[in-house]
Amino acid sequence: MIGADFQRENLSCAIVQVCRIRRLFLILVLIGWASHASAQIVDESSGRPVPTYEIEAPENDKVDEFHEMVSEQVESVAEGLDHYLDNLIAPDREERSAIFDSYFGDRRLKADEEGESYIAIAPQIEFIDGQSVDTGVDFKAKIDLPKTQNRLKLIVDNVQEDSEPLTGFSRSELRQVPGADESGNASLRFALIDLMNFDLDFDAGLDLKPEPVPKFKLRGRMSWEGEAWRFRISQYLTYEADDGFGEKSSMDMRRYIGDASWAEVDLAVVRSETSAGFEFGQALSLYHRITNRRTIGFRTAVYSQTEPWARVEAVLVRLPYRQQIWKEWMYLKVEPGIDFKRERNFNPDPRILFELEFLFGERLKKL
């Protein structure tokens, strides 16, 4: 009797489990049917569901993958260099001096703001007066070192801002011979003073001509900014092993006009051991943002010298057009212009520049 009762009890438990499983299965079926019915699109005329098809996501673009890979390499190199210099110049906390701590800050604390490291490469071709062609590549790389509280930066470029009398114009544009005075710089920048509206930087590095020549630069700058304007005064003092000492004084003011336009005025005086007296540059620039991807502008500049007598050497006019052509890291620039130079008796020399700029790293450049 006991065995028969035990068997009946097991049978009843099995029946209960089967009923629960059937009930759960029916619930799942009803939920699936309801979700499928809600996802279907019904034809209003016939009342029948319209079949739907899944849309496969497009594959990752190879160009974006390549750009992302290069950008990651730029950031990786910047981080590795930052760690190396930090370990090289920053000993352990108990061995560091008060002077070092006041200058670089404690390396175990994160900087308040993240630095941005980037590389900008801009191959270009320029047609001058329908007779000559000038090609080149503008480049600039900036590696921030946040572990030094942004006191150190590694800069590599071919822009001689400390010796060019016209902002935005190269010295090759001031001469009749294309490609003159092309060189590059590689330097380590030290931020000596960084106050509210004044900063003082010291650069130590090499001027590539292409042979490397030691070069040192001291730059002081005062700036004032408002909601619709910016005013800066800059003073440069340079020393190069080949060319000796040089100096440059500049002043620039930018004024925003509405939300899509701005004007800028640049004035500069340059004097060096290799220059013919003082060199003066005055430039006026007007820009207008057509859309978030396109900008047009107008630039004009006057270049003059004081030796052998005070005279105007060149008047330059440019009409730049710049457009973002791929994501936020590829830009196209087309810039027609006219030159009036003394060595050409101020006859108009038309020219047009085509430039394609690529940006790698953290920086997102605005038009």
Protein backbone atom coordinates (compact mmCIF):
# COMPACT_ATOMS: atom_id res chain seq x y z
CA MET A 1 0.00 0.00 0.00
CA ILE A 2 2.80 2.32 0.87
CA GLY A 3 4.47 1.72 -2.53
CA ALA A 4 1.19 2.32 -4.40
CA ASP A 5 0.62 5.60 -2.54
CA PHE A 6 4.17 6.72 -3.32
CA GLN A 7 3.70 6.01 -7.05
CA ARG A 8 0.39 7.88 -7.13
CA GLU A 9 2.02 10.86 -5.44
CA ASN A 10 4.87 10.92 -7.99
CA LEU A 11 2.40 10.66 -10.87
CA SER A 12 0.34 13.58 -9.60
CA CYS A 13 3.50 15.73 -9.19
CA ALA A 14 4.54 14.92 -12.75
CA ILE A 15 1.11 15.88 -14.08
CA VAL A 16 1.31 19.20 -12.22
CA GLN A 17 4.79 19.94 -13.68
CA VAL A 18 3.58 19.14 -17.21
CA CYS A 19 0.63 21.50 -16.78
CA ARG A 20 2.92 24.29 -15.61
CA ILE A 21 5.25 23.79 -18.57
CA ARG A 22 2.31 23.85 -21.04
CA ARG A 23 0.97 27.03 -19.42
CA LEU A 24 4.40 28.71 -19.64
CA PHE A 25 4.79 27.65 -23.28
CA LEU A 26 1.38 29.08 -24.18
CA ILE A 27 2.27 32.38 -22.47
CA LEU A 28 5.53 32.62 -24.42
CA VAL A 29 3.73 31.87 -27.69
CA LEU A 30 1.15 34.57 -27.02
CA ILE A 31 3.85 37.13 -26.15
CA GLY A 32 5.80 36.33 -29.31
CA TRP A 33 2.69 36.55 -31.49
CA ALA A 34 1.71 39.87 -29.95
CA SER A 35 5.15 41.39 -30.47
CA HIS A 36 5.27 40.11 -34.06
CA ALA A 37 1.82 41.50 -34.77
CA SER A 38 2.72 44.89 -33.30
CA ALA A 39 5.91 45.03 -35.41
CA GLN A 40 4.06 44.32 -38.66
CA ILE A 41 2.82 47.09 -40.93
CA VAL A 42 -0.84 46.60 -41.97
CA ASP A 43 -2.12 47.67 -45.38
CA GLU A 44 -5.13 49.91 -44.73
CA SER A 45 -6.89 48.94 -47.96
CA SER A 46 -6.70 45.16 -47.59
CA GLY A 47 -6.15 44.82 -43.87
CA ARG A 48 -3.33 42.35 -44.49
CA PRO A 49 0.09 42.69 -42.93
CA VAL A 50 2.85 43.94 -45.19
CA PRO A 51 5.99 41.79 -45.03
CA THR A 52 9.01 43.55 -43.55
CA TYR A 53 12.67 43.00 -44.30
CA GLU A 54 15.66 43.57 -42.07
CA ILE A 55 18.12 46.19 -43.26
CA GLU A 56 21.73 45.21 -42.76
CA ALA A 57 24.00 47.85 -41.31
CA PRO A 58 26.62 49.05 -43.80
CA GLU A 59 30.16 47.93 -43.27
CA ASN A 60 32.65 50.30 -41.71
CA ASP A 61 34.17 52.61 -44.24
CA LYS A 62 37.80 51.76 -44.95
CA VAL A 63 38.78 55.44 -45.11
CA ASP A 64 37.34 56.11 -41.63
CA GLU A 65 39.05 52.99 -40.30
CA PHE A 66 42.41 54.19 -41.66
CA HIS A 67 41.90 57.70 -40.23
CA GLU A 68 40.95 56.27 -36.84
CA MET A 69 44.01 54.03 -36.87
CA VAL A 70 46.38 56.94 -37.62
CA SER A 71 44.68 59.12 -34.98
CA GLU A 72 45.11 56.38 -32.40
CA GLN A 73 48.79 56.15 -33.30
CA VAL A 74 49.18 59.92 -32.83
CA GLU A 75 47.55 59.72 -29.39
CA SER A 76 49.61 56.65 -28.49
CA VAL A 77 52.89 58.36 -29.42
CA ALA A 78 51.87 61.47 -27.48
CA GLU A 79 51.02 59.44 -24.39
CA GLY A 80 54.24 57.41 -24.62
CA LEU A 81 56.36 60.53 -25.01
CA ASP A 82 54.53 62.15 -22.12
CA HIS A 83 55.28 59.16 -19.87
CA TYR A 84 58.93 59.08 -20.98
CA LEU A 85 59.61 62.76 -20.32
CA ASP A 86 57.68 62.62 -17.07
CA ASN A 87 59.83 59.75 -15.82
CA LEU A 88 62.98 61.42 -17.14
CA ILE A 89 62.60 64.82 -15.55
CA ALA A 90 60.30 64.04 -12.63
CA PRO A 91 61.88 61.95 -9.84
CA ASP A 92 59.89 60.44 -7.03
CA ARG A 93 57.93 62.77 -4.81
CA GLU A 94 60.31 62.66 -1.85
CA GLU A 95 63.30 63.52 -4.11
CA ARG A 96 61.71 66.45 -5.90
CA SER A 97 62.45 70.05 -5.03
CA ALA A 98 59.97 72.78 -4.19
CA ILE A 99 60.96 74.65 -7.35
CA PHE A 100 60.06 71.68 -9.52
CA ASP A 101 56.69 71.24 -7.79
CA SER A 102 55.82 74.90 -8.20
CA TYR A 103 56.67 74.75 -11.89
CA PHE A 104 55.36 71.39 -13.05
CA GLY A 105 52.91 70.50 -10.30
CA ASP A 106 52.49 67.08 -8.76
CA ARG A 107 52.60 64.48 -11.52
CA ARG A 108 50.34 62.19 -9.52
CA LEU A 109 47.48 64.62 -9.93
CA LYS A 110 45.64 64.83 -13.22
CA ALA A 111 45.72 68.09 -15.10
CA ASP A 112 42.56 70.16 -14.94
CA GLU A 113 42.16 70.26 -18.69
CA GLU A 114 43.02 67.63 -21.25
CA GLY A 115 45.60 68.55 -23.86
CA GLU A 116 45.04 67.81 -27.50
CA SER A 117 47.70 66.27 -29.70
CA TYR A 118 47.31 66.37 -33.45
CA ILE A 119 49.04 66.26 -36.80
CA ALA A 120 47.93 68.46 -39.72
CA ILE A 121 49.25 67.70 -43.22
CA ALA A 122 48.30 69.87 -46.20
CA PRO A 123 49.71 69.04 -49.66
CA GLN A 124 49.23 71.92 -52.07
CA ILE A 125 49.81 72.97 -55.64
CA GLU A 126 49.85 76.55 -56.91
CA PHE A 127 49.71 77.91 -60.45
CA ILE A 128 51.39 81.32 -60.80
CA ASP A 129 50.71 83.64 -63.73
CA GLY A 130 49.98 80.66 -65.96
CA GLN A 131 53.72 80.04 -66.33
CA SER A 132 55.14 78.39 -63.20
CA VAL A 133 53.88 75.75 -60.81
CA ASP A 134 54.80 75.56 -57.13
CA THR A 135 54.15 72.45 -55.03
CA GLY A 136 54.70 71.83 -51.36
CA VAL A 137 53.35 70.38 -48.14
CA ASP A 138 52.45 72.43 -45.09
CA PHE A 139 52.59 70.44 -41.89
CA LYS A 140 52.21 70.98 -38.17
CA ALA A 141 52.34 68.53 -35.28
CA LYS A 142 51.70 69.40 -31.65
CA ILE A 143 52.18 66.88 -28.86
CA ASP A 144 50.83 67.99 -25.50
CA LEU A 145 52.38 66.62 -22.32
CA PRO A 146 49.66 66.89 -19.64
CA LYS A 147 51.75 65.21 -16.93
CA THR A 148 53.85 68.38 -16.81
CA GLN A 149 50.72 70.43 -16.11
CA ASN A 150 50.77 71.52 -19.77
CA ARG A 151 54.12 73.27 -19.24
CA LEU A 152 55.78 71.35 -22.06
CA LYS A 153 54.76 70.86 -25.70
CA LEU A 154 56.55 69.26 -28.61
CA ILE A 155 56.00 71.21 -31.84
CA VAL A 156 57.07 70.32 -35.39
CA ASP A 157 56.01 72.58 -38.30
CA ASN A 158 57.21 74.56 -41.29
CA VAL A 159 55.56 77.85 -40.34
CA GLN A 160 58.04 80.59 -39.37
CA GLU A 161 55.65 82.73 -37.34
CA ASP A 162 58.52 84.42 -35.50
CA SER A 163 60.09 85.87 -38.68
CA GLU A 164 57.25 86.34 -41.19
CA PRO A 165 56.03 89.94 -41.46
CA LEU A 166 52.62 88.95 -42.86
CA THR A 167 50.37 86.61 -40.91
CA GLY A 168 48.99 83.89 -43.16
CA PHE A 169 51.47 84.62 -45.97
CA SER A 170 54.75 82.75 -46.42
CA ARG A 171 58.00 84.40 -47.45
CA SER A 172 57.88 82.55 -50.75
CA GLU A 173 54.77 84.60 -51.57
CA LEU A 174 56.72 87.79 -51.00
CA ARG A 175 59.35 86.85 -53.59
CA GLN A 176 59.13 86.18 -57.28
CA VAL A 177 60.92 82.84 -56.96
CA PRO A 178 58.49 80.15 -55.73
CA GLY A 179 59.51 77.94 -52.83
CA ALA A 180 62.10 80.32 -51.39
CA ASP A 181 63.18 79.98 -47.75
CA GLU A 182 61.32 76.72 -47.16
CA SER A 183 62.36 75.09 -43.89
CA GLY A 184 60.94 73.34 -40.87
CA ASN A 185 61.13 73.54 -37.11
CA ALA A 186 61.25 70.95 -34.35
CA SER A 187 61.25 72.34 -30.83
CA LEU A 188 60.26 71.73 -27.25
CA ARG A 189 58.17 74.59 -25.85
CA PHE A 190 58.37 75.55 -22.17
CA ALA A 191 55.55 77.64 -20.69
CA LEU A 192 57.46 79.92 -18.31
CA ILE A 193 54.61 82.20 -17.25
CA ASP A 194 50.87 81.70 -17.72
CA LEU A 195 48.81 84.41 -16.04
CA MET A 196 45.32 85.71 -16.77
CA ASN A 197 46.16 87.72 -19.90
CA PHE A 198 49.93 87.23 -20.22
CA ASP A 199 52.03 84.22 -21.15
CA LEU A 200 55.74 83.76 -21.75
CA ASP A 201 57.06 80.75 -23.70
CA PHE A 202 60.57 79.54 -24.46
CA ASP A 203 61.29 77.24 -27.43
CA ALA A 204 64.48 75.22 -27.79
CA GLY A 205 64.97 73.12 -30.88
CA LEU A 206 66.26 72.86 -34.42
CA ASP A 207 65.60 74.78 -37.61
CA LEU A 208 65.69 72.29 -40.50
CA LYS A 209 67.13 73.96 -43.64
CA PRO A 210 67.25 70.94 -44.31
CA GLU A 211 70.43 70.56 -42.25
CA PRO A 212 69.60 70.98 -38.55
CA VAL A 213 70.59 74.32 -37.01
CA PRO A 214 70.10 75.08 -33.29
CA LYS A 215 67.41 77.69 -32.67
CA PHE A 216 65.98 79.34 -29.55
CA LYS A 217 62.90 81.53 -29.27
CA LEU A 218 61.34 83.59 -26.49
CA ARG A 219 57.76 84.74 -26.99
CA GLY A 220 55.75 87.04 -24.74
CA ARG A 221 52.07 87.71 -25.41
CA MET A 222 49.35 89.79 -23.83
CA SER A 223 45.75 89.24 -24.86
CA TRP A 224 42.35 90.68 -24.06
CA GLU A 225 39.05 89.11 -25.11
CA GLY A 226 35.43 90.16 -25.03
CA GLU A 227 32.23 88.60 -26.27
CA ALA A 228 32.73 89.86 -29.83
CA TRP A 229 36.42 90.79 -30.06
CA ARG A 230 40.00 89.73 -29.32
CA PHE A 231 43.13 91.88 -29.10
CA ARG A 232 46.71 90.56 -28.78
CA ILE A 233 50.21 92.02 -28.60
CA SER A 234 53.13 89.63 -29.19
CA GLN A 235 56.89 90.05 -28.95
CA TYR A 236 59.39 87.50 -30.32
CA LEU A 237 63.11 87.27 -29.69
CA THR A 238 64.99 84.54 -31.61
CA TYR A 239 68.53 83.28 -31.94
CA GLU A 240 69.70 80.93 -34.68
CA ALA A 241 73.22 79.58 -35.03
CA ASP A 242 73.45 80.58 -38.71
CA ASP A 243 71.45 83.83 -38.86
CA GLY A 244 72.08 85.27 -35.41
CA PHE A 245 69.52 87.31 -33.49
CA GLY A 246 66.13 88.47 -34.70
CA GLU A 247 63.02 90.08 -33.28
CA LYS A 248 59.41 90.60 -34.22
CA SER A 249 56.66 92.79 -32.76
CA SER A 250 53.07 92.13 -33.80
CA MET A 251 49.56 93.24 -32.98
CA ASP A 252 46.34 91.61 -34.13
CA MET A 253 42.69 92.34 -33.50
CA ARG A 254 39.69 90.19 -34.40
CA ARG A 255 36.10 91.43 -34.43
CA TYR A 256 33.09 89.13 -34.80
CA ILE A 257 30.23 90.45 -36.90
CA GLY A 258 27.05 88.60 -36.06
CA ASP A 259 27.16 84.83 -35.78
CA ALA A 260 28.71 84.00 -39.15
CA SER A 261 31.28 86.70 -40.03
CA TRP A 262 34.43 88.19 -38.58
CA ALA A 263 37.20 90.63 -39.51
CA GLU A 264 40.86 90.59 -38.50
CA VAL A 265 43.67 93.16 -38.71
CA ASP A 266 47.36 92.17 -38.34
CA LEU A 267 50.32 94.52 -37.98
CA ALA A 268 53.94 93.37 -37.64
CA VAL A 269 57.52 94.68 -37.65
CA VAL A 270 60.47 92.30 -38.19
CA ARG A 271 64.19 92.98 -37.76
CA SER A 272 67.08 90.50 -37.95
CA GLU A 273 70.79 90.38 -38.69
CA THR A 274 70.04 89.06 -42.19
CA SER A 275 67.17 91.39 -43.11
CA ALA A 276 67.47 94.63 -45.03
CA GLY A 277 66.51 97.10 -42.32
CA PHE A 278 63.01 96.83 -40.86
CA GLU A 279 60.25 94.86 -42.57
CA PHE A 280 56.64 95.96 -42.12
CA GLY A 281 53.51 93.95 -42.78
CA GLN A 282 49.86 95.02 -42.65
CA ALA A 283 47.04 92.59 -43.42
CA LEU A 284 43.25 92.79 -43.42
CA SER A 285 41.09 89.65 -43.52
CA LEU A 286 37.31 89.21 -43.81
CA TYR A 287 35.60 85.84 -43.46
CA HIS A 288 32.02 84.65 -43.74
CA ARG A 289 30.69 81.23 -42.81
CA ILE A 290 28.24 80.15 -45.51
CA THR A 291 27.28 76.91 -43.77
CA ASN A 292 28.82 74.73 -41.07
CA ARG A 293 30.94 73.16 -43.80
CA ARG A 294 31.92 76.11 -46.01
CA THR A 295 33.68 79.45 -45.50
CA ILE A 296 34.64 82.21 -47.93
CA GLY A 297 36.93 85.16 -47.32
CA PHE A 298 38.88 88.14 -48.57
CA ARG A 299 42.49 88.90 -47.60
CA THR A 300 44.73 91.75 -48.61
CA ALA A 301 48.21 92.66 -47.37
CA VAL A 302 50.95 95.25 -47.89
CA TYR A 303 54.64 94.40 -47.43
CA SER A 304 57.29 97.14 -47.15
CA GLN A 305 60.96 97.66 -46.19
CA THR A 306 63.12 100.52 -44.94
CA GLU A 307 66.38 99.65 -46.74
CA PRO A 308 67.89 100.91 -48.99
CA TRP A 309 64.97 103.38 -48.64
CA ALA A 310 61.42 103.20 -47.30
CA ARG A 311 59.28 101.61 -49.99
CA VAL A 312 56.39 99.23 -50.65
CA GLU A 313 57.59 95.90 -52.01
CA ALA A 314 54.35 93.99 -52.61
CA VAL A 315 50.57 94.19 -52.43
CA LEU A 316 48.78 90.82 -52.20
CA VAL A 317 45.10 89.97 -52.64
CA ARG A 318 43.53 86.56 -51.86
CA LEU A 319 40.00 85.12 -52.07
CA PRO A 320 40.05 81.92 -49.97
CA TYR A 321 37.30 79.31 -50.11
CA ARG A 322 37.42 76.41 -47.62
CA GLN A 323 35.11 73.42 -47.39
CA GLN A 324 34.88 70.36 -45.19
CA ILE A 325 34.73 67.45 -47.63
CA TRP A 326 34.94 64.39 -45.37
CA LYS A 327 33.80 64.14 -41.75
CA GLU A 328 35.69 66.57 -39.49
CA TRP A 329 39.22 65.75 -40.63
CA MET A 330 39.51 66.47 -44.37
CA TYR A 331 39.27 69.97 -45.87
CA LEU A 332 39.63 71.45 -49.34
CA LYS A 333 40.93 74.96 -49.88
CA VAL A 334 40.81 76.89 -53.14
CA GLU A 335 42.40 80.34 -53.07
CA PRO A 336 42.69 82.52 -56.19
CA GLY A 337 44.68 85.72 -55.85
CA ILE A 338 46.63 88.53 -57.51
CA ASP A 339 50.12 89.82 -56.64
CA PHE A 340 51.48 93.30 -57.33
CA LYS A 341 55.26 93.30 -56.75
CA ARG A 342 57.88 95.98 -57.19
CA GLU A 343 60.26 93.63 -59.01
CA ARG A 344 57.48 93.17 -61.61
CA ASN A 345 56.75 96.93 -61.78
CA PHE A 346 53.51 96.19 -59.87
CA ASN A 347 52.01 94.42 -62.85
CA PRO A 348 49.22 92.01 -61.79
CA ASP A 349 50.34 88.39 -61.46
CA PRO A 350 47.34 86.07 -61.04
CA ARG A 351 47.73 82.83 -59.08
CA ILE A 352 45.52 80.09 -57.69
CA LEU A 353 46.20 77.64 -54.87
CA PHE A 354 44.66 74.19 -54.30
CA GLU A 355 45.19 72.62 -50.88
CA LEU A 356 43.93 69.41 -49.27
CA GLU A 357 44.30 69.27 -45.49
CA PHE A 358 44.21 66.12 -43.34
CA LEU A 359 43.89 66.19 -39.55
CA PHE A 360 44.84 63.30 -37.28
CA GLY A 361 44.51 63.09 -33.53
CA GLU A 362 42.15 64.59 -30.98
CA ARG A 363 41.77 68.01 -32.55
CA LEU A 364 38.51 68.83 -34.40
CA LYS A 365 39.27 71.86 -36.49
CA LYS A 366 36.57 74.42 -37.15
CA LEU A 367 36.08 76.17 -40.43
